[in-house]
Amino acid sequence: MKKYAILQRLSVENLYNTFLGLPPRQQTIALAGVVAGILFLTVLPLSLAAGKLGGLQSRIADTKTQMGEIARQVEEYNKARTRLTSLEALLRGGFEASIASAVEGLATQAQMKENIDSLKERPVAPSDLYDEASVEVKVSRVTLQQLVDFLHKIENAPNKTLRIKRIDIRLRFDNKHLLDATFDVVSYKLTQEA
């Protein structure tokens, strides 16, 4: 019964009669209080919601930026993985155990066999990831173009993984247009554990 008594006192008719019974100054203050309360009750939730939406929009923009960065990194990873796979395939299939004979054959193709002074094979140098076989090549009395062509043939030999590791080029004293060169040609093979 007490609940209904409070509700009866707060009925619109009772509140209106109480409001009319107030002096004009208190009516103005009460009316201003009601308007302020209504504005407070409508503006406060709206401003809180707007603040929350602004924060969510900021988080969405940050998340989009992070997703773009992740996509870029995934693309870089895939490119690196592709390069690694092709390098592994090259190292598995292009090993040349007898580098001296391979270099001699390439010198014959480049018409430089008579310019080769020596071919010194070195023992295979094993490591955790790959085995490396090498040969030291000494050539003399060659032009710069002949040397470049020969090095290009070595580096781009089909079905062989041959690389120039070190090179030393000197001008000849008797003819400044000719060169003497010493360089190491290496071949790599991926070890079975890798």
Protein backbone atom coordinates (compact mmCIF):
# COMPACT_ATOMS: atom_id res chain seq x y z
CA MET A 1 0.00 0.00 0.00
CA LYS A 2 2.92 2.34 0.70
CA LYS A 3 4.13 1.92 -2.94
CA TYR A 4 0.81 3.13 -4.22
CA ALA A 5 0.83 6.06 -1.78
CA ILE A 6 4.14 7.30 -3.19
CA LEU A 7 2.90 6.83 -6.74
CA GLN A 8 -0.30 8.72 -5.92
CA ARG A 9 1.74 11.61 -4.57
CA LEU A 10 3.91 11.62 -7.69
CA SER A 11 1.03 11.53 -10.13
CA VAL A 12 1.03 14.19 -12.81
CA GLU A 13 -2.08 15.83 -11.42
CA ASN A 14 -0.65 16.16 -7.90
CA LEU A 15 2.67 17.45 -9.24
CA TYR A 16 0.85 20.00 -11.40
CA ASN A 17 -1.29 21.21 -8.48
CA THR A 18 1.82 21.46 -6.28
CA PHE A 19 3.60 23.38 -9.00
CA LEU A 20 0.71 25.86 -9.33
CA GLY A 21 0.68 26.31 -5.55
CA LEU A 22 4.29 27.55 -5.54
CA PRO A 23 5.16 31.25 -5.67
CA PRO A 24 6.17 32.48 -9.15
CA ARG A 25 9.88 32.63 -8.30
CA GLN A 26 9.92 28.99 -7.10
CA GLN A 27 7.87 27.97 -10.16
CA THR A 28 10.61 29.44 -12.39
CA ILE A 29 13.33 27.66 -10.41
CA ALA A 30 11.40 24.35 -10.48
CA LEU A 31 10.74 24.70 -14.20
CA ALA A 32 14.44 25.46 -14.84
CA GLY A 33 15.38 22.44 -12.69
CA VAL A 34 13.04 20.14 -14.65
CA VAL A 35 14.37 21.45 -17.99
CA ALA A 36 17.97 21.03 -16.74
CA GLY A 37 17.18 17.50 -15.55
CA ILE A 38 15.61 16.54 -18.88
CA LEU A 39 18.57 18.03 -20.78
CA PHE A 40 21.01 16.27 -18.44
CA LEU A 41 19.22 12.95 -18.88
CA THR A 42 19.25 13.25 -22.71
CA VAL A 43 22.61 14.97 -23.33
CA LEU A 44 24.71 12.86 -20.94
CA PRO A 45 23.96 9.49 -22.58
CA LEU A 46 24.37 11.04 -26.03
CA SER A 47 27.75 12.55 -25.18
CA LEU A 48 28.91 9.29 -23.59
CA ALA A 49 27.80 7.37 -26.67
CA ALA A 50 29.52 9.88 -28.98
CA GLY A 51 32.75 9.57 -26.96
CA LYS A 52 32.54 5.79 -27.10
CA LEU A 53 31.90 5.90 -30.87
CA GLY A 54 34.88 8.21 -31.36
CA GLY A 55 37.06 5.78 -29.41
CA LEU A 56 35.75 2.84 -31.44
CA GLN A 57 36.39 4.66 -34.71
CA SER A 58 39.95 5.36 -33.59
CA ARG A 59 40.45 1.68 -32.71
CA ILE A 60 38.99 0.64 -36.08
CA ALA A 61 41.44 2.93 -37.90
CA ASP A 62 44.36 1.58 -35.83
CA THR A 63 43.25 -1.99 -36.51
CA LYS A 64 43.03 -1.33 -40.26
CA THR A 65 46.57 0.08 -40.18
CA GLN A 66 47.80 -2.97 -38.26
CA MET A 67 46.05 -5.32 -40.68
CA GLY A 68 47.72 -3.56 -43.62
CA GLU A 69 51.10 -3.94 -41.91
CA ILE A 70 50.44 -7.63 -41.23
CA ALA A 71 49.41 -8.17 -44.87
CA ARG A 72 52.62 -6.45 -46.03
CA GLN A 73 54.74 -8.60 -43.71
CA VAL A 74 52.97 -11.77 -44.87
CA GLU A 75 53.70 -10.79 -48.48
CA GLU A 76 57.38 -10.18 -47.63
CA TYR A 77 57.50 -13.53 -45.84
CA ASN A 78 55.99 -15.31 -48.86
CA LYS A 79 58.54 -13.67 -51.18
CA ALA A 80 61.40 -14.65 -48.87
CA ARG A 81 60.02 -18.18 -48.62
CA THR A 82 59.86 -18.42 -52.43
CA ARG A 83 63.45 -17.18 -52.74
CA LEU A 84 64.56 -19.67 -50.07
CA THR A 85 62.79 -22.55 -51.84
CA SER A 86 64.39 -21.69 -55.18
CA LEU A 87 67.81 -21.32 -53.55
CA GLU A 88 67.42 -24.68 -51.80
CA ALA A 89 66.46 -26.30 -55.11
CA LEU A 90 69.47 -24.70 -56.77
CA LEU A 91 71.79 -25.90 -54.00
CA ARG A 92 70.35 -29.41 -54.10
CA GLY A 93 70.68 -29.91 -57.84
CA GLY A 94 73.60 -27.82 -59.11
CA PHE A 95 76.54 -29.13 -57.09
CA GLU A 96 79.59 -29.71 -59.22
CA ALA A 97 81.96 -32.17 -57.50
CA SER A 98 84.69 -31.77 -60.13
CA ILE A 99 84.84 -28.02 -60.49
CA ALA A 100 88.18 -28.13 -62.35
CA SER A 101 86.75 -30.14 -65.24
CA ALA A 102 83.62 -27.92 -65.31
CA VAL A 103 85.77 -24.74 -65.44
CA GLU A 104 87.97 -26.31 -68.11
CA GLY A 105 84.91 -27.12 -70.22
CA LEU A 106 83.60 -23.57 -69.84
CA ALA A 107 87.06 -22.20 -70.76
CA THR A 108 86.96 -24.28 -73.94
CA GLN A 109 83.51 -22.82 -74.76
CA ALA A 110 84.85 -19.30 -74.13
CA GLN A 111 87.97 -20.04 -76.23
CA MET A 112 90.24 -19.35 -73.24
CA LYS A 113 91.67 -22.81 -72.57
CA GLU A 114 95.16 -21.73 -73.70
CA ASN A 115 95.03 -18.79 -71.24
CA ILE A 116 94.52 -20.96 -68.15
CA ASP A 117 97.82 -21.32 -66.30
CA SER A 118 96.58 -23.51 -63.44
CA LEU A 119 93.56 -25.06 -61.79
CA LYS A 120 94.07 -26.03 -58.13
CA GLU A 121 91.23 -27.94 -56.53
CA ARG A 122 90.71 -27.49 -52.83
CA PRO A 123 89.09 -30.08 -50.55
CA VAL A 124 85.37 -29.84 -49.82
CA ALA A 125 84.77 -27.54 -46.86
CA PRO A 126 81.75 -28.87 -44.91
CA SER A 127 79.54 -26.71 -42.73
CA ASP A 128 76.23 -27.16 -40.91
CA LEU A 129 74.10 -25.98 -43.84
CA TYR A 130 76.09 -26.67 -46.99
CA ASP A 131 79.26 -28.21 -48.43
CA GLU A 132 81.55 -25.97 -50.47
CA ALA A 133 83.95 -27.26 -53.12
CA SER A 134 86.34 -24.79 -54.71
CA VAL A 135 89.11 -24.46 -57.29
CA GLU A 136 91.64 -21.67 -57.72
CA VAL A 137 91.91 -20.57 -61.35
CA LYS A 138 94.84 -18.58 -62.75
CA VAL A 139 94.50 -17.06 -66.19
CA SER A 140 96.99 -14.88 -68.02
CA ARG A 141 97.23 -12.72 -71.13
CA VAL A 142 93.48 -12.05 -71.44
CA THR A 143 91.62 -8.91 -72.37
CA LEU A 144 89.06 -7.41 -70.02
CA GLN A 145 86.23 -8.48 -72.34
CA GLN A 146 87.50 -12.08 -72.48
CA LEU A 147 87.74 -12.20 -68.69
CA VAL A 148 84.25 -10.75 -68.21
CA ASP A 149 82.77 -13.19 -70.73
CA PHE A 150 84.51 -16.13 -69.04
CA LEU A 151 83.32 -15.08 -65.57
CA HIS A 152 79.81 -14.62 -66.93
CA LYS A 153 79.87 -18.15 -68.42
CA ILE A 154 80.99 -19.55 -65.06
CA GLU A 155 78.31 -17.72 -63.05
CA ASN A 156 75.54 -18.61 -65.53
CA ALA A 157 76.52 -22.18 -66.36
CA PRO A 158 73.37 -24.23 -66.98
CA ASN A 159 72.60 -26.99 -64.43
CA LYS A 160 75.57 -25.99 -62.28
CA THR A 161 75.80 -23.86 -59.16
CA LEU A 162 79.14 -22.16 -59.74
CA ARG A 163 80.01 -18.82 -58.20
CA ILE A 164 83.06 -16.56 -58.20
CA LYS A 165 84.07 -16.13 -54.57
CA ARG A 166 87.29 -14.08 -54.79
CA ILE A 167 89.08 -12.40 -57.68
CA ASP A 168 92.43 -10.65 -58.09
CA ILE A 169 93.11 -8.86 -61.40
CA ARG A 170 96.44 -7.33 -62.39
CA LEU A 171 97.68 -5.50 -65.48
CA ARG A 172 100.54 -7.16 -67.34
CA PHE A 173 103.82 -5.26 -67.42
CA ASP A 174 104.68 -6.26 -70.97
CA ASN A 175 101.28 -5.25 -72.44
CA LYS A 176 98.96 -2.84 -70.59
CA HIS A 177 95.93 -4.06 -72.61
CA LEU A 178 96.17 -7.59 -71.23
CA LEU A 179 95.39 -8.88 -67.75
CA ASP A 180 96.39 -11.68 -65.41
CA ALA A 181 93.71 -12.86 -62.99
CA THR A 182 93.42 -15.30 -60.12
CA PHE A 183 89.97 -16.23 -58.82
CA ASP A 184 88.20 -18.91 -56.82
CA VAL A 185 85.25 -20.76 -58.31
CA VAL A 186 83.02 -22.46 -55.75
CA SER A 187 80.08 -24.84 -55.86
CA TYR A 188 77.66 -25.35 -52.99
CA LYS A 189 75.55 -28.34 -51.96
CA LEU A 190 72.90 -28.33 -49.25
CA THR A 191 73.76 -30.86 -46.54
CA GLN A 192 71.28 -33.65 -45.88
CA GLU A 193 70.43 -32.44 -42.35
CA ALA A 194 69.41 -28.96 -43.56
